[in-house]
């Protein structure tokens, strides 16, 4: 892995953390639709970092979703619950961004915020393990 790839991976993880912070502000302010979008992007940025750490790139959101399941959920690196959470946010983000009169339940969005924190933390841990592997094997 090149230094540039590592920098992009770290940048994407930072974007995931930033999106989580934004989501918390939005849910606290009652802006649920925008919060749902930020929750999705927190997961999306984290997964795109994980893909790159595995030498995989995707140009479409639907590809990121499919690769998450093929490469990480099916292998057991991430739980099926985490995969379903990403799917729920993928679909909900579409509604929040594009559907007229989309509305979300505040309790659901608050729960999704907690789940998204766990999702991003789990993906971050996987990425960190991958980033450490080359230095461990060269010792």
C-alpha atoms as a PDB file:
ATOM      1  CA  UNK A   1       0.000   0.000   0.000  1.00  0.00           C
ATOM      2  CA  UNK A   2       1.348   3.391  -0.954  1.00  0.00           C
ATOM      3  CA  UNK A   3       1.619   6.392   1.298  1.00  0.00           C
ATOM      4  CA  UNK A   4      -0.980   8.152  -0.830  1.00  0.00           C
ATOM      5  CA  UNK A   5      -3.436   5.269  -0.370  1.00  0.00           C
ATOM      6  CA  UNK A   6      -2.878   5.365   3.393  1.00  0.00           C
ATOM      7  CA  UNK A   7      -3.548   9.111   3.378  1.00  0.00           C
ATOM      8  CA  UNK A   8      -6.810   8.616   1.470  1.00  0.00           C
ATOM      9  CA  UNK A   9      -7.871   5.845   3.867  1.00  0.00           C
ATOM     10  CA  UNK A  10      -7.167   8.055   6.899  1.00  0.00           C
ATOM     11  CA  UNK A  11      -9.021  10.935   5.227  1.00  0.00           C
ATOM     12  CA  UNK A  12     -12.086   8.763   4.628  1.00  0.00           C
ATOM     13  CA  UNK A  13     -12.058   7.582   8.245  1.00  0.00           C
ATOM     14  CA  UNK A  14     -11.841  11.200   9.383  1.00  0.00           C
ATOM     15  CA  UNK A  15     -14.799  12.048   7.115  1.00  0.00           C
ATOM     16  CA  UNK A  16     -16.748   9.202   8.731  1.00  0.00           C
ATOM     17  CA  UNK A  17     -16.066  10.599  12.206  1.00  0.00           C
ATOM     18  CA  UNK A  18     -16.983  14.106  11.042  1.00  0.00           C
ATOM     19  CA  UNK A  19     -20.260  12.872   9.543  1.00  0.00           C
ATOM     20  CA  UNK A  20     -21.058  11.190  12.879  1.00  0.00           C
ATOM     21  CA  UNK A  21     -20.476  14.456  14.713  1.00  0.00           C
ATOM     22  CA  UNK A  22     -22.701  16.284  12.228  1.00  0.00           C
ATOM     23  CA  UNK A  23     -25.408  13.634  12.611  1.00  0.00           C
ATOM     24  CA  UNK A  24     -25.400  14.084  16.381  1.00  0.00           C
ATOM     25  CA  UNK A  25     -25.845  17.835  16.025  1.00  0.00           C
ATOM     26  CA  UNK A  26     -28.656  17.318  13.532  1.00  0.00           C
ATOM     27  CA  UNK A  27     -30.559  14.752  15.597  1.00  0.00           C
ATOM     28  CA  UNK A  28     -30.248  17.008  18.657  1.00  0.00           C
ATOM     29  CA  UNK A  29     -31.715  19.875  16.618  1.00  0.00           C
ATOM     30  CA  UNK A  30     -34.540  17.705  15.262  1.00  0.00           C
ATOM     31  CA  UNK A  31     -33.320  17.734  11.656  1.00  0.00           C
ATOM     32  CA  UNK A  32     -33.993  14.040  11.142  1.00  0.00           C
ATOM     33  CA  UNK A  33     -33.901  13.817   7.352  1.00  0.00           C
ATOM     34  CA  UNK A  34     -30.492  15.441   7.124  1.00  0.00           C
ATOM     35  CA  UNK A  35     -29.307  13.397  10.091  1.00  0.00           C
ATOM     36  CA  UNK A  36     -30.220  10.189   8.255  1.00  0.00           C
ATOM     37  CA  UNK A  37     -28.178  11.335   5.280  1.00  0.00           C
ATOM     38  CA  UNK A  38     -25.143  12.069   7.487  1.00  0.00           C
ATOM     39  CA  UNK A  39     -25.493   8.687   9.220  1.00  0.00           C
ATOM     40  CA  UNK A  40     -25.427   6.980   5.841  1.00  0.00           C
ATOM     41  CA  UNK A  41     -22.380   8.960   4.764  1.00  0.00           C
ATOM     42  CA  UNK A  42     -20.551   8.108   7.997  1.00  0.00           C
ATOM     43  CA  UNK A  43     -20.965   4.433   7.100  1.00  0.00           C
ATOM     44  CA  UNK A  44     -20.223   5.016   3.418  1.00  0.00           C
ATOM     45  CA  UNK A  45     -16.938   6.822   4.119  1.00  0.00           C
ATOM     46  CA  UNK A  46     -15.887   4.114   6.569  1.00  0.00           C
ATOM     47  CA  UNK A  47     -16.686   1.303   4.119  1.00  0.00           C
ATOM     48  CA  UNK A  48     -14.933   3.088   1.263  1.00  0.00           C
ATOM     49  CA  UNK A  49     -11.837   3.320   3.502  1.00  0.00           C
ATOM     50  CA  UNK A  50     -12.124  -0.402   4.255  1.00  0.00           C
ATOM     51  CA  UNK A  51     -12.435  -1.230   0.572  1.00  0.00           C
ATOM     52  CA  UNK A  52      -9.361   0.822  -0.307  1.00  0.00           C
ATOM     53  CA  UNK A  53      -7.413  -0.788   2.549  1.00  0.00           C
ATOM     54  CA  UNK A  54      -8.209  -4.091   0.816  1.00  0.00           C
ATOM     55  CA  UNK A  55      -7.147  -2.790  -2.599  1.00  0.00           C
ATOM     56  CA  UNK A  56     -10.736  -2.498  -3.841  1.00  0.00           C
ATOM     57  CA  UNK A  57     -12.299   0.565  -5.423  1.00  0.00           C
ATOM     58  CA  UNK A  58     -15.918   1.322  -6.238  1.00  0.00           C
ATOM     59  CA  UNK A  59     -17.337   4.248  -8.169  1.00  0.00           C
ATOM     60  CA  UNK A  60     -21.006   3.910  -7.205  1.00  0.00           C
ATOM     61  CA  UNK A  61     -22.823   3.757  -3.903  1.00  0.00           C
ATOM     62  CA  UNK A  62     -24.570   0.555  -4.987  1.00  0.00           C
ATOM     63  CA  UNK A  63     -21.157  -1.025  -5.648  1.00  0.00           C
ATOM     64  CA  UNK A  64     -19.946  -0.055  -2.180  1.00  0.00           C
ATOM     65  CA  UNK A  65     -23.070  -1.674  -0.742  1.00  0.00           C
ATOM     66  CA  UNK A  66     -22.636  -4.869  -2.752  1.00  0.00           C
ATOM     67  CA  UNK A  67     -18.920  -5.119  -1.964  1.00  0.00           C
ATOM     68  CA  UNK A  68     -19.571  -4.612   1.749  1.00  0.00           C
ATOM     69  CA  UNK A  69     -21.749  -7.717   1.732  1.00  0.00           C
ATOM     70  CA  UNK A  70     -19.584  -9.785  -0.627  1.00  0.00           C
ATOM     71  CA  UNK A  71     -16.230  -9.004   0.921  1.00  0.00           C
ATOM     72  CA  UNK A  72     -16.920  -8.440   4.619  1.00  0.00           C
ATOM     73  CA  UNK A  73     -20.357  -9.631   5.748  1.00  0.00           C
ATOM     74  CA  UNK A  74     -20.281 -13.001   3.979  1.00  0.00           C
ATOM     75  CA  UNK A  75     -16.727 -13.644   5.237  1.00  0.00           C
ATOM     76  CA  UNK A  76     -17.779 -12.805   8.781  1.00  0.00           C
ATOM     77  CA  UNK A  77     -15.573  -9.719   9.194  1.00  0.00           C
ATOM     78  CA  UNK A  78     -18.745  -7.732   9.889  1.00  0.00           C
ATOM     79  CA  UNK A  79     -22.002  -9.109  11.271  1.00  0.00           C
ATOM     80  CA  UNK A  80     -25.154  -9.517   9.238  1.00  0.00           C
ATOM     81  CA  UNK A  81     -26.707  -6.927  11.556  1.00  0.00           C
ATOM     82  CA  UNK A  82     -24.071  -4.422  10.441  1.00  0.00           C
ATOM     83  CA  UNK A  83     -24.826  -5.243   6.815  1.00  0.00           C
ATOM     84  CA  UNK A  84     -28.551  -4.739   7.408  1.00  0.00           C
ATOM     85  CA  UNK A  85     -27.833  -1.437   9.151  1.00  0.00           C
ATOM     86  CA  UNK A  86     -25.911  -0.185   6.113  1.00  0.00           C
ATOM     87  CA  UNK A  87     -28.773  -1.338   3.856  1.00  0.00           C
ATOM     88  CA  UNK A  88     -31.359   0.470   6.015  1.00  0.00           C
ATOM     89  CA  UNK A  89     -29.364   3.687   5.897  1.00  0.00           C
ATOM     90  CA  UNK A  90     -28.752   3.317   2.156  1.00  0.00           C
ATOM     91  CA  UNK A  91     -32.509   3.086   1.535  1.00  0.00           C
ATOM     92  CA  UNK A  92     -33.402   5.739   4.117  1.00  0.00           C
ATOM     93  CA  UNK A  93     -30.856   8.173   2.718  1.00  0.00           C
ATOM     94  CA  UNK A  94     -32.475   7.811  -0.702  1.00  0.00           C
ATOM     95  CA  UNK A  95     -35.841   8.665   0.861  1.00  0.00           C
ATOM     96  CA  UNK A  96     -34.487  11.536   2.950  1.00  0.00           C
ATOM     97  CA  UNK A  97     -32.709  13.126  -0.016  1.00  0.00           C
ATOM     98  CA  UNK A  98     -35.170  12.506  -2.825  1.00  0.00           C
ATOM     99  CA  UNK A  99     -38.664  11.570  -1.631  1.00  0.00           C
ATOM    100  CA  UNK A 100     -41.273  14.228  -1.073  1.00  0.00           C
ATOM    101  CA  UNK A 101     -42.722  14.235   2.437  1.00  0.00           C
ATOM    102  CA  UNK A 102     -40.189  11.756   3.798  1.00  0.00           C
ATOM    103  CA  UNK A 103     -40.367  11.682   7.574  1.00  0.00           C
ATOM    104  CA  UNK A 104     -38.507   9.619  10.143  1.00  0.00           C
ATOM    105  CA  UNK A 105     -39.311   8.715  13.730  1.00  0.00           C
ATOM    106  CA  UNK A 106     -37.035  10.496  16.225  1.00  0.00           C
ATOM    107  CA  UNK A 107     -36.587   7.352  18.336  1.00  0.00           C
ATOM    108  CA  UNK A 108     -35.591   5.335  15.259  1.00  0.00           C
ATOM    109  CA  UNK A 109     -33.061   7.939  14.164  1.00  0.00           C
ATOM    110  CA  UNK A 110     -31.606   8.157  17.675  1.00  0.00           C
ATOM    111  CA  UNK A 111     -31.175   4.366  17.684  1.00  0.00           C
ATOM    112  CA  UNK A 112     -29.623   4.472  14.202  1.00  0.00           C
ATOM    113  CA  UNK A 113     -27.146   7.042  15.497  1.00  0.00           C
ATOM    114  CA  UNK A 114     -25.983   4.618  18.177  1.00  0.00           C
ATOM    115  CA  UNK A 115     -25.809   1.761  15.649  1.00  0.00           C
ATOM    116  CA  UNK A 116     -23.848   3.921  13.238  1.00  0.00           C
ATOM    117  CA  UNK A 117     -21.270   4.737  15.917  1.00  0.00           C
ATOM    118  CA  UNK A 118     -20.780   0.988  16.477  1.00  0.00           C
ATOM    119  CA  UNK A 119     -20.635   0.338  12.720  1.00  0.00           C
ATOM    120  CA  UNK A 120     -17.973   2.987  12.142  1.00  0.00           C
ATOM    121  CA  UNK A 121     -15.980   1.789  15.165  1.00  0.00           C
ATOM    122  CA  UNK A 122     -16.009  -1.816  13.904  1.00  0.00           C
ATOM    123  CA  UNK A 123     -14.981  -0.789  10.386  1.00  0.00           C
ATOM    124  CA  UNK A 124     -12.295   1.503  11.778  1.00  0.00           C
ATOM    125  CA  UNK A 125     -10.865  -1.408  13.799  1.00  0.00           C
ATOM    126  CA  UNK A 126     -10.763  -3.606  10.673  1.00  0.00           C
ATOM    127  CA  UNK A 127      -8.986  -0.877   8.723  1.00  0.00           C
ATOM    128  CA  UNK A 128      -6.448  -0.296  11.494  1.00  0.00           C
ATOM    129  CA  UNK A 129      -5.612  -4.004  11.558  1.00  0.00           C
ATOM    130  CA  UNK A 130      -5.015  -3.927   7.813  1.00  0.00           C
ATOM    131  CA  UNK A 131      -2.869  -0.817   8.033  1.00  0.00           C
ATOM    132  CA  UNK A 132      -0.708  -2.449  10.731  1.00  0.00           C
ATOM    133  CA  UNK A 133      -0.199  -5.758   8.911  1.00  0.00           C
ATOM    134  CA  UNK A 134       2.621  -4.678   6.575  1.00  0.00           C
ATOM    135  CA  UNK A 135       4.690  -3.184   9.397  1.00  0.00           C
ATOM    136  CA  UNK A 136       4.185  -6.313  11.535  1.00  0.00           C
ATOM    137  CA  UNK A 137       5.223  -8.669   8.736  1.00  0.00           C
ATOM    138  CA  UNK A 138       8.345  -6.643   7.958  1.00  0.00           C
ATOM    139  CA  UNK A 139       9.569  -6.858  11.577  1.00  0.00           C
END
